[in-house]
Amino acid sequence: MTSKQRAYLKGLAMNIDPIFQVGKASLTPEIIEAVREAIDARELIKVSVLKNCMDDPRQIAEVLAERTRSQVVQVIGKKIVLYKESKDKKKIELPKA
């Protein structure tokens, strides 16, 4: 992903609300599966890490990206933005590299 594409996705992510919250239990298989389904349907999602979660949001972002085969767009504070290009239901057209 180029910096231009990343900047474009960051701009789109500003207008969406987090659809998942990672809490005290951190990453459970259920959360990972739910994130995988959501990212397949939406392409771009935002995840919020709650204050009672002791894990580092950057580490959570890397694990989520690895297990859902997506890319980390950005991590700001306790907000994570993930992107995965959809094969069949393309909603987001990235600028050319």
PDB file of N, CA and C in Angstrom:
ATOM      1  N   MET A   1       0.844  -1.173   0.000  1.00  0.00           N
ATOM      2  CA  MET A   1       0.000   0.000   0.000  1.00  0.00           C
ATOM      3  C   MET A   1       0.893   1.242   0.000  1.00  0.00           C
ATOM      4  N   THR A   2       0.613   2.144  -0.915  1.00  0.00           N
ATOM      5  CA  THR A   2       1.430   3.360  -1.004  1.00  0.00           C
ATOM      6  C   THR A   2       0.958   4.378   0.038  1.00  0.00           C
ATOM      7  N   SER A   3       1.764   5.397   0.274  1.00  0.00           N
ATOM      8  CA  SER A   3       1.392   6.421   1.255  1.00  0.00           C
ATOM      9  C   SER A   3       0.174   7.217   0.769  1.00  0.00           C
ATOM     10  N   LYS A   4       0.057   7.364  -0.557  1.00  0.00           N
ATOM     11  CA  LYS A   4      -1.100   8.065  -1.121  1.00  0.00           C
ATOM     12  C   LYS A   4      -2.389   7.275  -0.852  1.00  0.00           C
ATOM     13  N   GLN A   5      -2.333   5.964  -1.040  1.00  0.00           N
ATOM     14  CA  GLN A   5      -3.490   5.108  -0.786  1.00  0.00           C
ATOM     15  C   GLN A   5      -3.831   5.105   0.708  1.00  0.00           C
ATOM     16  N   ARG A   6      -2.801   5.041   1.544  1.00  0.00           N
ATOM     17  CA  ARG A   6      -3.003   5.048   2.993  1.00  0.00           C
ATOM     18  C   ARG A   6      -3.675   6.356   3.430  1.00  0.00           C
ATOM     19  N   ALA A   7      -3.219   7.481   2.870  1.00  0.00           N
ATOM     20  CA  ALA A   7      -3.794   8.783   3.203  1.00  0.00           C
ATOM     21  C   ALA A   7      -5.265   8.840   2.775  1.00  0.00           C
ATOM     22  N   TYR A   8      -5.576   8.281   1.620  1.00  0.00           N
ATOM     23  CA  TYR A   8      -6.955   8.243   1.131  1.00  0.00           C
ATOM     24  C   TYR A   8      -7.841   7.446   2.092  1.00  0.00           C
ATOM     25  N   LEU A   9      -7.355   6.279   2.531  1.00  0.00           N
ATOM     26  CA  LEU A   9      -8.119   5.440   3.457  1.00  0.00           C
ATOM     27  C   LEU A   9      -8.284   6.110   4.818  1.00  0.00           C
ATOM     28  N   LYS A  10      -7.260   6.831   5.258  1.00  0.00           N
ATOM     29  CA  LYS A  10      -7.360   7.559   6.534  1.00  0.00           C
ATOM     30  C   LYS A  10      -8.473   8.587   6.458  1.00  0.00           C
ATOM     31  N   GLY A  11      -8.572   9.259   5.314  1.00  0.00           N
ATOM     32  CA  GLY A  11      -9.618  10.245   5.112  1.00  0.00           C
ATOM     33  C   GLY A  11     -11.005   9.617   5.161  1.00  0.00           C
ATOM     34  N   LEU A  12     -11.159   8.452   4.547  1.00  0.00           N
ATOM     35  CA  LEU A  12     -12.446   7.752   4.583  1.00  0.00           C
ATOM     36  C   LEU A  12     -12.771   7.287   5.999  1.00  0.00           C
ATOM     37  N   ALA A  13     -11.755   6.853   6.732  1.00  0.00           N
ATOM     38  CA  ALA A  13     -11.951   6.300   8.080  1.00  0.00           C
ATOM     39  C   ALA A  13     -12.376   7.361   9.085  1.00  0.00           C
ATOM     40  N   MET A  14     -12.080   8.628   8.803  1.00  0.00           N
ATOM     41  CA  MET A  14     -12.446   9.696   9.736  1.00  0.00           C
ATOM     42  C   MET A  14     -13.959   9.763   9.937  1.00  0.00           C
ATOM     43  N   ASN A  15     -14.716   9.360   8.936  1.00  0.00           N
ATOM     44  CA  ASN A  15     -16.168   9.498   8.987  1.00  0.00           C
ATOM     45  C   ASN A  15     -16.899   8.254   9.490  1.00  0.00           C
ATOM     46  N   ILE A  16     -16.162   7.187   9.805  1.00  0.00           N
ATOM     47  CA  ILE A  16     -16.849   5.981  10.277  1.00  0.00           C
ATOM     48  C   ILE A  16     -16.634   5.794  11.776  1.00  0.00           C
ATOM     49  N   ASP A  17     -17.599   5.141  12.395  1.00  0.00           N
ATOM     50  CA  ASP A  17     -17.525   4.857  13.827  1.00  0.00           C
ATOM     51  C   ASP A  17     -16.938   3.469  14.046  1.00  0.00           C
ATOM     52  N   PRO A  18     -16.303   3.256  15.207  1.00  0.00           N
ATOM     53  CA  PRO A  18     -15.809   1.906  15.512  1.00  0.00           C
ATOM     54  C   PRO A  18     -16.975   0.918  15.598  1.00  0.00           C
ATOM     55  N   ILE A  19     -16.808  -0.250  14.990  1.00  0.00           N
ATOM     56  CA  ILE A  19     -17.883  -1.238  15.047  1.00  0.00           C
ATOM     57  C   ILE A  19     -17.548  -2.374  16.001  1.00  0.00           C
ATOM     58  N   PHE A  20     -16.321  -2.398  16.520  1.00  0.00           N
ATOM     59  CA  PHE A  20     -15.925  -3.402  17.507  1.00  0.00           C
ATOM     60  C   PHE A  20     -15.178  -2.743  18.636  1.00  0.00           C
ATOM     61  N   GLN A  21     -15.271  -3.354  19.818  1.00  0.00           N
ATOM     62  CA  GLN A  21     -14.522  -2.900  20.970  1.00  0.00           C
ATOM     63  C   GLN A  21     -13.756  -4.085  21.529  1.00  0.00           C
ATOM     64  N   VAL A  22     -12.462  -3.877  21.757  1.00  0.00           N
ATOM     65  CA  VAL A  22     -11.634  -4.909  22.373  1.00  0.00           C
ATOM     66  C   VAL A  22     -11.508  -4.537  23.840  1.00  0.00           C
ATOM     67  N   GLY A  23     -11.965  -5.424  24.720  1.00  0.00           N
ATOM     68  CA  GLY A  23     -11.995  -5.116  26.146  1.00  0.00           C
ATOM     69  C   GLY A  23     -10.997  -5.903  26.953  1.00  0.00           C
ATOM     70  N   LYS A  24     -11.363  -6.172  28.194  1.00  0.00           N
ATOM     71  CA  LYS A  24     -10.462  -6.808  29.156  1.00  0.00           C
ATOM     72  C   LYS A  24      -9.980  -8.177  28.678  1.00  0.00           C
ATOM     73  N   ALA A  25     -10.820  -8.916  27.978  1.00  0.00           N
ATOM     74  CA  ALA A  25     -10.461 -10.259  27.504  1.00  0.00           C
ATOM     75  C   ALA A  25      -9.499 -10.201  26.321  1.00  0.00           C
ATOM     76  N   SER A  26      -9.224  -9.013  25.813  1.00  0.00           N
ATOM     77  CA  SER A  26      -8.354  -8.785  24.660  1.00  0.00           C
ATOM     78  C   SER A  26      -8.910  -9.499  23.430  1.00  0.00           C
ATOM     79  N   LEU A  27      -8.037 -10.103  22.619  1.00  0.00           N
ATOM     80  CA  LEU A  27      -8.492 -10.727  21.377  1.00  0.00           C
ATOM     81  C   LEU A  27      -8.938 -12.162  21.626  1.00  0.00           C
ATOM     82  N   THR A  28     -10.228 -12.398  21.478  1.00  0.00           N
ATOM     83  CA  THR A  28     -10.753 -13.755  21.597  1.00  0.00           C
ATOM     84  C   THR A  28     -11.019 -14.272  20.188  1.00  0.00           C
ATOM     85  N   PRO A  29     -11.109 -15.583  20.025  1.00  0.00           N
ATOM     86  CA  PRO A  29     -11.419 -16.130  18.691  1.00  0.00           C
ATOM     87  C   PRO A  29     -12.730 -15.571  18.127  1.00  0.00           C
ATOM     88  N   GLU A  30     -13.701 -15.285  19.014  1.00  0.00           N
ATOM     89  CA  GLU A  30     -14.985 -14.750  18.564  1.00  0.00           C
ATOM     90  C   GLU A  30     -14.817 -13.356  17.971  1.00  0.00           C
ATOM     91  N   ILE A  31     -14.025 -12.518  18.624  1.00  0.00           N
ATOM     92  CA  ILE A  31     -13.794 -11.160  18.110  1.00  0.00           C
ATOM     93  C   ILE A  31     -13.079 -11.224  16.765  1.00  0.00           C
ATOM     94  N   ILE A  32     -12.069 -12.070  16.671  1.00  0.00           N
ATOM     95  CA  ILE A  32     -11.305 -12.185  15.421  1.00  0.00           C
ATOM     96  C   ILE A  32     -12.215 -12.645  14.282  1.00  0.00           C
ATOM     97  N   GLU A  33     -13.086 -13.619  14.557  1.00  0.00           N
ATOM     98  CA  GLU A  33     -14.013 -14.108  13.528  1.00  0.00           C
ATOM     99  C   GLU A  33     -15.008 -13.022  13.124  1.00  0.00           C
ATOM    100  N   ALA A  34     -15.513 -12.272  14.098  1.00  0.00           N
ATOM    101  CA  ALA A  34     -16.462 -11.198  13.804  1.00  0.00           C
ATOM    102  C   ALA A  34     -15.795 -10.095  12.984  1.00  0.00           C
ATOM    103  N   VAL A  35     -14.555  -9.748  13.330  1.00  0.00           N
ATOM    104  CA  VAL A  35     -13.813  -8.736  12.568  1.00  0.00           C
ATOM    105  C   VAL A  35     -13.580  -9.227  11.139  1.00  0.00           C
ATOM    106  N   ARG A  36     -13.243 -10.503  10.994  1.00  0.00           N
ATOM    107  CA  ARG A  36     -13.017 -11.070   9.654  1.00  0.00           C
ATOM    108  C   ARG A  36     -14.278 -10.940   8.803  1.00  0.00           C
ATOM    109  N   GLU A  37     -15.432 -11.276   9.366  1.00  0.00           N
ATOM    110  CA  GLU A  37     -16.690 -11.177   8.617  1.00  0.00           C
ATOM    111  C   GLU A  37     -17.007  -9.723   8.253  1.00  0.00           C
ATOM    112  N   ALA A  38     -16.799  -8.824   9.204  1.00  0.00           N
ATOM    113  CA  ALA A  38     -17.101  -7.413   8.952  1.00  0.00           C
ATOM    114  C   ALA A  38     -16.188  -6.823   7.895  1.00  0.00           C
ATOM    115  N   ILE A  39     -14.908  -7.158   7.950  1.00  0.00           N
ATOM    116  CA  ILE A  39     -13.952  -6.580   7.001  1.00  0.00           C
ATOM    117  C   ILE A  39     -14.192  -7.149   5.598  1.00  0.00           C
ATOM    118  N   ASP A  40     -14.660  -8.394   5.523  1.00  0.00           N
ATOM    119  CA  ASP A  40     -15.003  -8.961   4.214  1.00  0.00           C
ATOM    120  C   ASP A  40     -16.204  -8.237   3.622  1.00  0.00           C
ATOM    121  N   ALA A  41     -17.129  -7.812   4.472  1.00  0.00           N
ATOM    122  CA  ALA A  41     -18.344  -7.139   4.003  1.00  0.00           C
ATOM    123  C   ALA A  41     -18.112  -5.660   3.712  1.00  0.00           C
ATOM    124  N   ARG A  42     -17.255  -4.991   4.498  1.00  0.00           N
ATOM    125  CA  ARG A  42     -17.137  -3.536   4.408  1.00  0.00           C
ATOM    126  C   ARG A  42     -15.833  -3.018   3.804  1.00  0.00           C
ATOM    127  N   GLU A  43     -14.792  -3.794   3.794  1.00  0.00           N
ATOM    128  CA  GLU A  43     -13.448  -3.416   3.326  1.00  0.00           C
ATOM    129  C   GLU A  43     -12.686  -2.538   4.325  1.00  0.00           C
ATOM    130  N   LEU A  44     -13.334  -1.524   4.897  1.00  0.00           N
ATOM    131  CA  LEU A  44     -12.651  -0.602   5.813  1.00  0.00           C
ATOM    132  C   LEU A  44     -13.429  -0.569   7.124  1.00  0.00           C
ATOM    133  N   ILE A  45     -12.746  -0.915   8.230  1.00  0.00           N
ATOM    134  CA  ILE A  45     -13.424  -0.892   9.530  1.00  0.00           C
ATOM    135  C   ILE A  45     -12.546  -0.220  10.573  1.00  0.00           C
ATOM    136  N   LYS A  46     -13.217   0.223  11.627  1.00  0.00           N
ATOM    137  CA  LYS A  46     -12.519   0.848  12.746  1.00  0.00           C
ATOM    138  C   LYS A  46     -12.828   0.035  14.001  1.00  0.00           C
ATOM    139  N   VAL A  47     -11.773  -0.221  14.803  1.00  0.00           N
ATOM    140  CA  VAL A  47     -11.898  -0.988  16.034  1.00  0.00           C
ATOM    141  C   VAL A  47     -11.411  -0.114  17.180  1.00  0.00           C
ATOM    142  N   SER A  48     -12.148  -0.138  18.270  1.00  0.00           N
ATOM    143  CA  SER A  48     -11.782   0.647  19.450  1.00  0.00           C
ATOM    144  C   SER A  48     -11.236  -0.289  20.524  1.00  0.00           C
ATOM    145  N   VAL A  49     -10.135   0.111  21.172  1.00  0.00           N
ATOM    146  CA  VAL A  49      -9.565  -0.658  22.278  1.00  0.00           C
ATOM    147  C   VAL A  49      -9.956   0.064  23.565  1.00  0.00           C
ATOM    148  N   LEU A  50     -10.659  -0.633  24.429  1.00  0.00           N
ATOM    149  CA  LEU A  50     -11.139  -0.011  25.666  1.00  0.00           C
ATOM    150  C   LEU A  50     -10.010   0.202  26.673  1.00  0.00           C
ATOM    151  N   LYS A  51     -10.257   1.091  27.632  1.00  0.00           N
ATOM    152  CA  LYS A  51      -9.241   1.419  28.637  1.00  0.00           C
ATOM    153  C   LYS A  51      -8.873   0.230  29.511  1.00  0.00           C
ATOM    154  N   ASN A  52      -9.815  -0.702  29.727  1.00  0.00           N
ATOM    155  CA  ASN A  52      -9.520  -1.832  30.597  1.00  0.00           C
ATOM    156  C   ASN A  52      -8.733  -2.947  29.901  1.00  0.00           C
ATOM    157  N   CYS A  53      -8.401  -2.771  28.625  1.00  0.00           N
ATOM    158  CA  CYS A  53      -7.565  -3.734  27.904  1.00  0.00           C
ATOM    159  C   CYS A  53      -6.107  -3.369  28.145  1.00  0.00           C
ATOM    160  N   MET A  54      -5.341  -4.315  28.678  1.00  0.00           N
ATOM    161  CA  MET A  54      -3.953  -4.039  29.048  1.00  0.00           C
ATOM    162  C   MET A  54      -2.973  -4.187  27.880  1.00  0.00           C
ATOM    163  N   ASP A  55      -3.429  -4.737  26.758  1.00  0.00           N
ATOM    164  CA  ASP A  55      -2.533  -4.944  25.614  1.00  0.00           C
ATOM    165  C   ASP A  55      -2.332  -3.648  24.825  1.00  0.00           C
ATOM    166  N   ASP A  56      -1.200  -3.569  24.151  1.00  0.00           N
ATOM    167  CA  ASP A  56      -0.866  -2.406  23.336  1.00  0.00           C
ATOM    168  C   ASP A  56      -1.718  -2.404  22.057  1.00  0.00           C
ATOM    169  N   PRO A  57      -2.381  -1.284  21.752  1.00  0.00           N
ATOM    170  CA  PRO A  57      -3.209  -1.230  20.536  1.00  0.00           C
ATOM    171  C   PRO A  57      -2.439  -1.569  19.255  1.00  0.00           C
ATOM    172  N   ARG A  58      -1.155  -1.196  19.185  1.00  0.00           N
ATOM    173  CA  ARG A  58      -0.367  -1.527  17.981  1.00  0.00           C
ATOM    174  C   ARG A  58      -0.210  -3.031  17.817  1.00  0.00           C
ATOM    175  N   GLN A  59       0.044  -3.723  18.935  1.00  0.00           N
ATOM    176  CA  GLN A  59       0.182  -5.183  18.872  1.00  0.00           C
ATOM    177  C   GLN A  59      -1.149  -5.830  18.492  1.00  0.00           C
ATOM    178  N   ILE A  60      -2.236  -5.319  19.062  1.00  0.00           N
ATOM    179  CA  ILE A  60      -3.564  -5.834  18.728  1.00  0.00           C
ATOM    180  C   ILE A  60      -3.832  -5.643  17.233  1.00  0.00           C
ATOM    181  N   ALA A  61      -3.478  -4.468  16.705  1.00  0.00           N
ATOM    182  CA  ALA A  61      -3.675  -4.177  15.279  1.00  0.00           C
ATOM    183  C   ALA A  61      -2.898  -5.163  14.408  1.00  0.00           C
ATOM    184  N   GLU A  62      -1.647  -5.430  14.777  1.00  0.00           N
ATOM    185  CA  GLU A  62      -0.820  -6.362  13.985  1.00  0.00           C
ATOM    186  C   GLU A  62      -1.407  -7.773  14.000  1.00  0.00           C
ATOM    187  N   VAL A  63      -1.834  -8.225  15.170  1.00  0.00           N
ATOM    188  CA  VAL A  63      -2.417  -9.573  15.280  1.00  0.00           C
ATOM    189  C   VAL A  63      -3.721  -9.661  14.489  1.00  0.00           C
ATOM    190  N   LEU A  64      -4.571  -8.642  14.626  1.00  0.00           N
ATOM    191  CA  LEU A  64      -5.832  -8.629  13.869  1.00  0.00           C
ATOM    192  C   LEU A  64      -5.568  -8.647  12.365  1.00  0.00           C
ATOM    193  N   ALA A  65      -4.630  -7.826  11.918  1.00  0.00           N
ATOM    194  CA  ALA A  65      -4.313  -7.761  10.485  1.00  0.00           C
ATOM    195  C   ALA A  65      -3.802  -9.110   9.984  1.00  0.00           C
ATOM    196  N   GLU A  66      -2.947  -9.738  10.775  1.00  0.00           N
ATOM    197  CA  GLU A  66      -2.380 -11.031  10.375  1.00  0.00           C
ATOM    198  C   GLU A  66      -3.475 -12.100  10.297  1.00  0.00           C
ATOM    199  N   ARG A  67      -4.334 -12.148  11.301  1.00  0.00           N
ATOM    200  CA  ARG A  67      -5.342 -13.211  11.357  1.00  0.00           C
ATOM    201  C   ARG A  67      -6.524 -12.974  10.425  1.00  0.00           C
ATOM    202  N   THR A  68      -6.761 -11.738  10.014  1.00  0.00           N
ATOM    203  CA  THR A  68      -7.865 -11.463   9.080  1.00  0.00           C
ATOM    204  C   THR A  68      -7.339 -11.213   7.668  1.00  0.00           C
ATOM    205  N   ARG A  69      -6.048 -11.318   7.482  1.00  0.00           N
ATOM    206  CA  ARG A  69      -5.390 -11.071   6.191  1.00  0.00           C
ATOM    207  C   ARG A  69      -5.720  -9.678   5.664  1.00  0.00           C
ATOM    208  N   SER A  70      -5.679  -8.695   6.555  1.00  0.00           N
ATOM    209  CA  SER A  70      -5.958  -7.317   6.173  1.00  0.00           C
ATOM    210  C   SER A  70      -4.712  -6.469   6.418  1.00  0.00           C
ATOM    211  N   GLN A  71      -4.830  -5.169   6.191  1.00  0.00           N
ATOM    212  CA  GLN A  71      -3.709  -4.257   6.392  1.00  0.00           C
ATOM    213  C   GLN A  71      -4.085  -3.205   7.424  1.00  0.00           C
ATOM    214  N   VAL A  72      -3.107  -2.855   8.253  1.00  0.00           N
ATOM    215  CA  VAL A  72      -3.324  -1.795   9.231  1.00  0.00           C
ATOM    216  C   VAL A  72      -3.159  -0.466   8.505  1.00  0.00           C
ATOM    217  N   VAL A  73      -4.207   0.344   8.497  1.00  0.00           N
ATOM    218  CA  VAL A  73      -4.131   1.661   7.873  1.00  0.00           C
ATOM    219  C   VAL A  73      -3.498   2.632   8.855  1.00  0.00           C
ATOM    220  N   GLN A  74      -4.008   2.626  10.097  1.00  0.00           N
ATOM    221  CA  GLN A  74      -3.432   3.493  11.126  1.00  0.00           C
ATOM    222  C   GLN A  74      -3.875   3.039  12.508  1.00  0.00           C
ATOM    223  N   VAL A  75      -3.074   3.428  13.493  1.00  0.00           N
ATOM    224  CA  VAL A  75      -3.431   3.250  14.895  1.00  0.00           C
ATOM    225  C   VAL A  75      -3.223   4.608  15.547  1.00  0.00           C
ATOM    226  N   ILE A  76      -4.319   5.200  16.024  1.00  0.00           N
ATOM    227  CA  ILE A  76      -4.224   6.486  16.718  1.00  0.00           C
ATOM    228  C   ILE A  76      -4.796   6.279  18.109  1.00  0.00           C
ATOM    229  N   GLY A  77      -3.958   6.422  19.111  1.00  0.00           N
ATOM    230  CA  GLY A  77      -4.417   6.204  20.477  1.00  0.00           C
ATOM    231  C   GLY A  77      -4.934   4.796  20.630  1.00  0.00           C
ATOM    232  N   LYS A  78      -6.223   4.671  20.899  1.00  0.00           N
ATOM    233  CA  LYS A  78      -6.828   3.351  21.075  1.00  0.00           C
ATOM    234  C   LYS A  78      -7.802   3.012  19.945  1.00  0.00           C
ATOM    235  N   LYS A  79      -7.623   3.651  18.802  1.00  0.00           N
ATOM    236  CA  LYS A  79      -8.449   3.370  17.617  1.00  0.00           C
ATOM    237  C   LYS A  79      -7.574   2.721  16.543  1.00  0.00           C
ATOM    238  N   ILE A  80      -8.099   1.651  15.959  1.00  0.00           N
ATOM    239  CA  ILE A  80      -7.381   0.904  14.924  1.00  0.00           C
ATOM    240  C   ILE A  80      -8.230   0.941  13.652  1.00  0.00           C
ATOM    241  N   VAL A  81      -7.591   1.223  12.519  1.00  0.00           N
ATOM    242  CA  VAL A  81      -8.294   1.192  11.234  1.00  0.00           C
ATOM    243  C   VAL A  81      -7.662   0.090  10.390  1.00  0.00           C
ATOM    244  N   LEU A  82      -8.509  -0.822   9.900  1.00  0.00           N
ATOM    245  CA  LEU A  82      -8.053  -1.941   9.077  1.00  0.00           C
ATOM    246  C   LEU A  82      -8.704  -1.882   7.700  1.00  0.00           C
ATOM    247  N   TYR A  83      -7.952  -2.341   6.687  1.00  0.00           N
ATOM    248  CA  TYR A  83      -8.471  -2.369   5.312  1.00  0.00           C
ATOM    249  C   TYR A  83      -8.129  -3.705   4.670  1.00  0.00           C
ATOM    250  N   LYS A  84      -9.107  -4.233   3.943  1.00  0.00           N
ATOM    251  CA  LYS A  84      -8.871  -5.445   3.149  1.00  0.00           C
ATOM    252  C   LYS A  84      -9.680  -5.315   1.870  1.00  0.00           C
ATOM    253  N   GLU A  85      -8.999  -5.386   0.744  1.00  0.00           N
ATOM    254  CA  GLU A  85      -9.679  -5.259  -0.544  1.00  0.00           C
ATOM    255  C   GLU A  85     -10.585  -6.457  -0.772  1.00  0.00           C
ATOM    256  N   SER A  86     -11.816  -6.183  -1.147  1.00  0.00           N
ATOM    257  CA  SER A  86     -12.788  -7.238  -1.402  1.00  0.00           C
ATOM    258  C   SER A  86     -12.642  -7.739  -2.834  1.00  0.00           C
ATOM    259  N   LYS A  87     -12.738  -9.042  -3.003  1.00  0.00           N
ATOM    260  CA  LYS A  87     -12.608  -9.613  -4.340  1.00  0.00           C
ATOM    261  C   LYS A  87     -13.896  -9.425  -5.141  1.00  0.00           C
ATOM    262  N   ASP A  88     -15.060  -9.658  -4.511  1.00  0.00           N
ATOM    263  CA  ASP A  88     -16.321  -9.595  -5.256  1.00  0.00           C
ATOM    264  C   ASP A  88     -17.082  -8.278  -5.051  1.00  0.00           C
ATOM    265  N   LYS A  89     -17.133  -7.784  -3.807  1.00  0.00           N
ATOM    266  CA  LYS A  89     -17.943  -6.596  -3.526  1.00  0.00           C
ATOM    267  C   LYS A  89     -17.055  -5.382  -3.299  1.00  0.00           C
ATOM    268  N   LYS A  90     -16.437  -4.884  -4.359  1.00  0.00           N
ATOM    269  CA  LYS A  90     -15.551  -3.721  -4.229  1.00  0.00           C
ATOM    270  C   LYS A  90     -16.362  -2.465  -3.957  1.00  0.00           C
ATOM    271  N   LYS A  91     -16.072  -1.818  -2.836  1.00  0.00           N
ATOM    272  CA  LYS A  91     -16.765  -0.570  -2.497  1.00  0.00           C
ATOM    273  C   LYS A  91     -15.820   0.626  -2.560  1.00  0.00           C
ATOM    274  N   ILE A  92     -14.537   0.362  -2.293  1.00  0.00           N
ATOM    275  CA  ILE A  92     -13.569   1.452  -2.222  1.00  0.00           C
ATOM    276  C   ILE A  92     -12.601   1.327  -3.393  1.00  0.00           C
ATOM    277  N   GLU A  93     -12.492   2.385  -4.161  1.00  0.00           N
ATOM    278  CA  GLU A  93     -11.548   2.407  -5.283  1.00  0.00           C
ATOM    279  C   GLU A  93     -10.316   3.205  -4.834  1.00  0.00           C
ATOM    280  N   LEU A  94      -9.197   2.495  -4.649  1.00  0.00           N
ATOM    281  CA  LEU A  94      -7.966   3.167  -4.210  1.00  0.00           C
ATOM    282  C   LEU A  94      -7.338   3.944  -5.360  1.00  0.00           C
ATOM    283  N   PRO A  95      -6.705   5.092  -5.036  1.00  0.00           N
ATOM    284  CA  PRO A  95      -5.980   5.811  -6.099  1.00  0.00           C
ATOM    285  C   PRO A  95      -4.808   4.951  -6.594  1.00  0.00           C
ATOM    286  N   LYS A  96      -4.483   5.114  -7.849  1.00  0.00           N
ATOM    287  CA  LYS A  96      -3.370   4.331  -8.420  1.00  0.00           C
ATOM    288  C   LYS A  96      -2.050   4.743  -7.765  1.00  0.00           C
ATOM    289  N   ALA A  97      -1.158   3.781  -7.673  1.00  0.00           N
ATOM    290  CA  ALA A  97       0.142   4.022  -6.992  1.00  0.00           C
ATOM    291  C   ALA A  97       0.991   5.031  -7.744  1.00  0.00           C
TER     292      ALA A  97
END
